[in-house]
Every structure is written in structure tokens, then in C-alpha cells.
Amino acid sequence: MKRFLFLAITLLLAAITFAQPAADRILGTYKAKFDKNDAKVKVFRHDGGYQMQICWLRVTHNPDGTLKTDAKNPDKGKRSTPMSEVVLVEHVTYENGIWKNGHIYDPKSGKTYKVELRLSDDNKLEVRGIVGPFHKSFYWTKIQ
């Protein structure tokens, strides 16, 4: 009887784990690099899609001691946002194994590009910024 109960609980937990929608596999925290600065980026659900936001930076201050902020943001109201809180990706939705239809923001230039995200395995995320027929990919590693 104990074996049956253990087996039933194990199967139930496995079913719950695999029942997670495929789109939600992207959720979590990823290790990334921005302009030679180690960072962590959190992916979460937002407004019917997914959003990515910096949640940690190794270097949060400029050499002169001032806080690094989103100084090149075209929205003047966001220029005082600490770099450790900048939203990088907005409005991506899941379709056939790809998160797309959203935009990625480059805080270094203040520009926004189309974006596609792909999980190459459960721990490696390809982040692809797209301009016309050209693209540039970055690879982030899931840590949580």
C-alpha cells in the first residue's frame, strides 16, 4: 500500500510539472551580460504576454560614483530609472515554440528593436534582436 501511495504521489507531481504550459517554460531568472557588466534578468507574465526586466547588476555605479541610470531612454520620464530595474523586453507572446511580436530595448543606445526568443534547451535562451533582414543573437543561461 505504501508503494502504491508513493507511486501515485510521484505520478501526480510529474503530471503537475509537465502540465505547465509550454509558453511558461521561459519564466525564471537568467544570467546575462550587458556592456561587459554581469546581470540577472527576470522573465515574468505581463499584460497577456511576457516581459523581461533587469533585476540585478554587478556594477550599479559609474566610475565617478553616480548611479547608473537609463540615461538614453527616449522617454524622458524613464531616464532616472536605475539600470538595475530597466525593462528590456515587452509584449512577447508565444507561438509555435517562439516568443515573438514584442520589442527589445537597448539601454546603451536608447533604441528599440523587434525581438524573438527561443529556448534551445530548458536552460539556454536565445534572445534575437531584429532589424529588417538582419539580426543579432545573445544567449542567456537560466539560473532559477
C-alpha atoms as a PDB file:
ATOM      1  CA  MET A   1       0.000   0.000   0.000  1.00  0.00           C
ATOM      2  CA  LYS A   2       2.856   2.414   0.841  1.00  0.00           C
ATOM      3  CA  ARG A   3       4.442   1.715  -2.541  1.00  0.00           C
ATOM      4  CA  PHE A   4       1.178   2.441  -4.319  1.00  0.00           C
ATOM      5  CA  LEU A   5       0.737   5.715  -2.411  1.00  0.00           C
ATOM      6  CA  PHE A   6       4.353   6.741  -3.159  1.00  0.00           C
ATOM      7  CA  LEU A   7       3.880   5.899  -6.848  1.00  0.00           C
ATOM      8  CA  ALA A   8       0.596   7.826  -7.018  1.00  0.00           C
ATOM      9  CA  ILE A   9       2.141  10.922  -5.427  1.00  0.00           C
ATOM     10  CA  THR A  10       5.181  10.723  -7.734  1.00  0.00           C
ATOM     11  CA  LEU A  11       2.981  10.461 -10.831  1.00  0.00           C
ATOM     12  CA  LEU A  12       0.807  13.346  -9.642  1.00  0.00           C
ATOM     13  CA  LEU A  13       3.840  15.579  -9.129  1.00  0.00           C
ATOM     14  CA  ALA A  14       5.220  14.620 -12.538  1.00  0.00           C
ATOM     15  CA  ALA A  15       1.874  15.413 -14.172  1.00  0.00           C
ATOM     16  CA  ILE A  16       1.755  18.812 -12.491  1.00  0.00           C
ATOM     17  CA  THR A  17       5.305  19.577 -13.653  1.00  0.00           C
ATOM     18  CA  PHE A  18       4.611  18.588 -17.266  1.00  0.00           C
ATOM     19  CA  ALA A  19       1.210  20.294 -17.287  1.00  0.00           C
ATOM     20  CA  GLN A  20       2.920  23.688 -17.191  1.00  0.00           C
ATOM     21  CA  PRO A  21       2.006  25.432 -20.435  1.00  0.00           C
ATOM     22  CA  ALA A  22       4.805  25.358 -22.991  1.00  0.00           C
ATOM     23  CA  ALA A  23       4.810  29.163 -23.091  1.00  0.00           C
ATOM     24  CA  ASP A  24       5.640  29.362 -19.385  1.00  0.00           C
ATOM     25  CA  ARG A  25       8.897  27.442 -19.806  1.00  0.00           C
ATOM     26  CA  ILE A  26      10.526  30.829 -20.377  1.00  0.00           C
ATOM     27  CA  LEU A  27       9.639  32.077 -16.882  1.00  0.00           C
ATOM     28  CA  GLY A  28      12.541  32.499 -14.481  1.00  0.00           C
ATOM     29  CA  THR A  29      15.789  34.351 -13.951  1.00  0.00           C
ATOM     30  CA  TYR A  30      18.646  34.357 -16.455  1.00  0.00           C
ATOM     31  CA  LYS A  31      22.319  35.245 -16.249  1.00  0.00           C
ATOM     32  CA  ALA A  32      23.246  37.799 -18.924  1.00  0.00           C
ATOM     33  CA  LYS A  33      25.916  40.359 -19.850  1.00  0.00           C
ATOM     34  CA  PHE A  34      25.327  43.986 -20.811  1.00  0.00           C
ATOM     35  CA  ASP A  35      28.228  46.125 -21.929  1.00  0.00           C
ATOM     36  CA  LYS A  36      30.705  43.866 -20.045  1.00  0.00           C
ATOM     37  CA  ASN A  37      28.567  44.033 -16.878  1.00  0.00           C
ATOM     38  CA  ASP A  38      27.209  40.807 -15.347  1.00  0.00           C
ATOM     39  CA  ALA A  39      23.445  40.931 -14.902  1.00  0.00           C
ATOM     40  CA  LYS A  40      20.387  38.899 -13.989  1.00  0.00           C
ATOM     41  CA  VAL A  41      17.179  39.272 -15.973  1.00  0.00           C
ATOM     42  CA  LYS A  42      13.795  38.132 -14.718  1.00  0.00           C
ATOM     43  CA  VAL A  43      11.116  36.900 -17.144  1.00  0.00           C
ATOM     44  CA  PHE A  44       7.507  37.156 -15.983  1.00  0.00           C
ATOM     45  CA  ARG A  45       3.956  37.293 -17.313  1.00  0.00           C
ATOM     46  CA  HIS A  46       2.666  40.781 -18.093  1.00  0.00           C
ATOM     47  CA  ASP A  47      -0.426  42.080 -19.937  1.00  0.00           C
ATOM     48  CA  GLY A  48      -1.235  38.805 -21.694  1.00  0.00           C
ATOM     49  CA  GLY A  49       2.374  38.197 -22.755  1.00  0.00           C
ATOM     50  CA  TYR A  50       5.838  38.140 -21.242  1.00  0.00           C
ATOM     51  CA  GLN A  51       8.225  40.833 -20.115  1.00  0.00           C
ATOM     52  CA  MET A  52      11.924  40.823 -19.172  1.00  0.00           C
ATOM     53  CA  GLN A  53      13.457  43.172 -16.640  1.00  0.00           C
ATOM     54  CA  ILE A  54      16.942  43.548 -15.213  1.00  0.00           C
ATOM     55  CA  CYS A  55      16.780  42.566 -11.542  1.00  0.00           C
ATOM     56  CA  TRP A  56      20.488  42.657 -10.634  1.00  0.00           C
ATOM     57  CA  LEU A  57      23.717  44.199 -11.934  1.00  0.00           C
ATOM     58  CA  ARG A  58      27.222  43.518 -10.655  1.00  0.00           C
ATOM     59  CA  VAL A  59      28.277  47.139 -11.255  1.00  0.00           C
ATOM     60  CA  THR A  60      25.495  49.577 -10.360  1.00  0.00           C
ATOM     61  CA  HIS A  61      27.532  52.794 -10.245  1.00  0.00           C
ATOM     62  CA  ASN A  62      29.605  54.748 -12.739  1.00  0.00           C
ATOM     63  CA  PRO A  63      33.353  55.290 -12.099  1.00  0.00           C
ATOM     64  CA  ASP A  64      32.535  58.733 -10.655  1.00  0.00           C
ATOM     65  CA  GLY A  65      30.262  57.122  -8.030  1.00  0.00           C
ATOM     66  CA  THR A  66      26.924  58.151  -9.552  1.00  0.00           C
ATOM     67  CA  LEU A  67      24.176  55.576 -10.005  1.00  0.00           C
ATOM     68  CA  LYS A  68      23.942  54.046 -13.495  1.00  0.00           C
ATOM     69  CA  THR A  69      20.593  55.087 -14.948  1.00  0.00           C
ATOM     70  CA  ASP A  70      18.699  54.641 -18.209  1.00  0.00           C
ATOM     71  CA  ALA A  71      20.065  57.992 -19.440  1.00  0.00           C
ATOM     72  CA  LYS A  72      19.448  57.368 -23.168  1.00  0.00           C
ATOM     73  CA  ASN A  73      15.805  56.358 -22.866  1.00  0.00           C
ATOM     74  CA  PRO A  74      13.702  58.304 -25.416  1.00  0.00           C
ATOM     75  CA  ASP A  75      11.026  58.644 -22.714  1.00  0.00           C
ATOM     76  CA  LYS A  76      12.458  61.436 -20.548  1.00  0.00           C
ATOM     77  CA  GLY A  77      10.383  60.220 -17.592  1.00  0.00           C
ATOM     78  CA  LYS A  78      12.337  56.930 -17.550  1.00  0.00           C
ATOM     79  CA  ARG A  79      15.842  58.391 -17.724  1.00  0.00           C
ATOM     80  CA  SER A  80      16.250  58.345 -13.944  1.00  0.00           C
ATOM     81  CA  THR A  81      15.369  54.622 -13.743  1.00  0.00           C
ATOM     82  CA  PRO A  82      18.295  52.701 -12.226  1.00  0.00           C
ATOM     83  CA  MET A  83      19.889  50.351 -14.765  1.00  0.00           C
ATOM     84  CA  SER A  84      19.253  47.515 -12.309  1.00  0.00           C
ATOM     85  CA  GLU A  85      15.472  47.955 -12.923  1.00  0.00           C
ATOM     86  CA  VAL A  86      15.251  48.594 -16.686  1.00  0.00           C
ATOM     87  CA  VAL A  87      12.626  46.687 -18.682  1.00  0.00           C
ATOM     88  CA  LEU A  88      14.372  45.123 -21.685  1.00  0.00           C
ATOM     89  CA  VAL A  89      11.672  43.113 -23.451  1.00  0.00           C
ATOM     90  CA  GLU A  90       7.954  43.820 -23.632  1.00  0.00           C
ATOM     91  CA  HIS A  91       4.837  42.286 -25.159  1.00  0.00           C
ATOM     92  CA  VAL A  92       6.274  38.996 -26.427  1.00  0.00           C
ATOM     93  CA  THR A  93       3.739  36.239 -26.996  1.00  0.00           C
ATOM     94  CA  TYR A  94       4.275  32.518 -27.548  1.00  0.00           C
ATOM     95  CA  GLU A  95       3.636  30.906 -30.920  1.00  0.00           C
ATOM     96  CA  ASN A  96       4.954  27.549 -32.184  1.00  0.00           C
ATOM     97  CA  GLY A  97       7.988  27.362 -29.904  1.00  0.00           C
ATOM     98  CA  ILE A  98       8.984  31.027 -30.347  1.00  0.00           C
ATOM     99  CA  TRP A  99       8.222  34.046 -28.185  1.00  0.00           C
ATOM    100  CA  LYS A 100       7.738  36.956 -30.602  1.00  0.00           C
ATOM    101  CA  ASN A 101       5.648  40.008 -31.552  1.00  0.00           C
ATOM    102  CA  GLY A 102       7.410  42.111 -28.944  1.00  0.00           C
ATOM    103  CA  HIS A 103      10.297  44.524 -28.702  1.00  0.00           C
ATOM    104  CA  ILE A 104      13.705  44.613 -27.053  1.00  0.00           C
ATOM    105  CA  TYR A 105      15.152  47.821 -25.695  1.00  0.00           C
ATOM    106  CA  ASP A 106      18.885  48.561 -25.883  1.00  0.00           C
ATOM    107  CA  PRO A 107      19.711  50.875 -22.959  1.00  0.00           C
ATOM    108  CA  LYS A 108      23.171  51.590 -24.382  1.00  0.00           C
ATOM    109  CA  SER A 109      21.702  53.291 -27.474  1.00  0.00           C
ATOM    110  CA  GLY A 110      18.150  54.056 -26.319  1.00  0.00           C
ATOM    111  CA  LYS A 111      16.782  52.206 -29.367  1.00  0.00           C
ATOM    112  CA  THR A 112      14.107  49.532 -29.602  1.00  0.00           C
ATOM    113  CA  TYR A 113      14.094  46.548 -31.983  1.00  0.00           C
ATOM    114  CA  LYS A 114      11.836  43.606 -32.822  1.00  0.00           C
ATOM    115  CA  VAL A 115      12.687  40.537 -30.772  1.00  0.00           C
ATOM    116  CA  GLU A 116      12.335  36.763 -30.914  1.00  0.00           C
ATOM    117  CA  LEU A 117      13.163  34.436 -28.041  1.00  0.00           C
ATOM    118  CA  ARG A 118      13.889  30.711 -28.290  1.00  0.00           C
ATOM    119  CA  LEU A 119      14.775  28.138 -25.660  1.00  0.00           C
ATOM    120  CA  SER A 120      17.446  25.881 -27.154  1.00  0.00           C
ATOM    121  CA  ASP A 121      17.075  23.668 -24.093  1.00  0.00           C
ATOM    122  CA  ASP A 122      15.500  24.251 -20.699  1.00  0.00           C
ATOM    123  CA  ASN A 123      18.449  26.381 -19.543  1.00  0.00           C
ATOM    124  CA  LYS A 124      19.635  28.345 -22.610  1.00  0.00           C
ATOM    125  CA  LEU A 125      17.648  31.254 -24.038  1.00  0.00           C
ATOM    126  CA  GLU A 126      18.452  32.802 -27.404  1.00  0.00           C
ATOM    127  CA  VAL A 127      17.500  36.490 -27.453  1.00  0.00           C
ATOM    128  CA  ARG A 128      17.429  37.726 -31.052  1.00  0.00           C
ATOM    129  CA  GLY A 129      17.166  41.444 -31.848  1.00  0.00           C
ATOM    130  CA  ILE A 130      15.901  42.010 -35.394  1.00  0.00           C
ATOM    131  CA  VAL A 131      16.235  44.933 -37.815  1.00  0.00           C
ATOM    132  CA  GLY A 132      14.802  44.153 -41.249  1.00  0.00           C
ATOM    133  CA  PRO A 133      16.548  41.037 -42.606  1.00  0.00           C
ATOM    134  CA  PHE A 134      19.387  41.306 -40.057  1.00  0.00           C
ATOM    135  CA  HIS A 135      19.583  40.010 -36.522  1.00  0.00           C
ATOM    136  CA  LYS A 136      21.956  39.742 -33.588  1.00  0.00           C
ATOM    137  CA  SER A 137      21.641  36.979 -31.021  1.00  0.00           C
ATOM    138  CA  PHE A 138      22.607  36.833 -27.363  1.00  0.00           C
ATOM    139  CA  TYR A 139      22.491  33.699 -25.223  1.00  0.00           C
ATOM    140  CA  TRP A 140      21.385  33.817 -21.610  1.00  0.00           C
ATOM    141  CA  THR A 141      21.547  30.941 -19.123  1.00  0.00           C
ATOM    142  CA  LYS A 142      18.633  30.165 -16.822  1.00  0.00           C
ATOM    143  CA  ILE A 143      19.635  30.137 -13.161  1.00  0.00           C
ATOM    144  CA  GLN A 144      16.212  29.922 -11.447  1.00  0.00           C
END
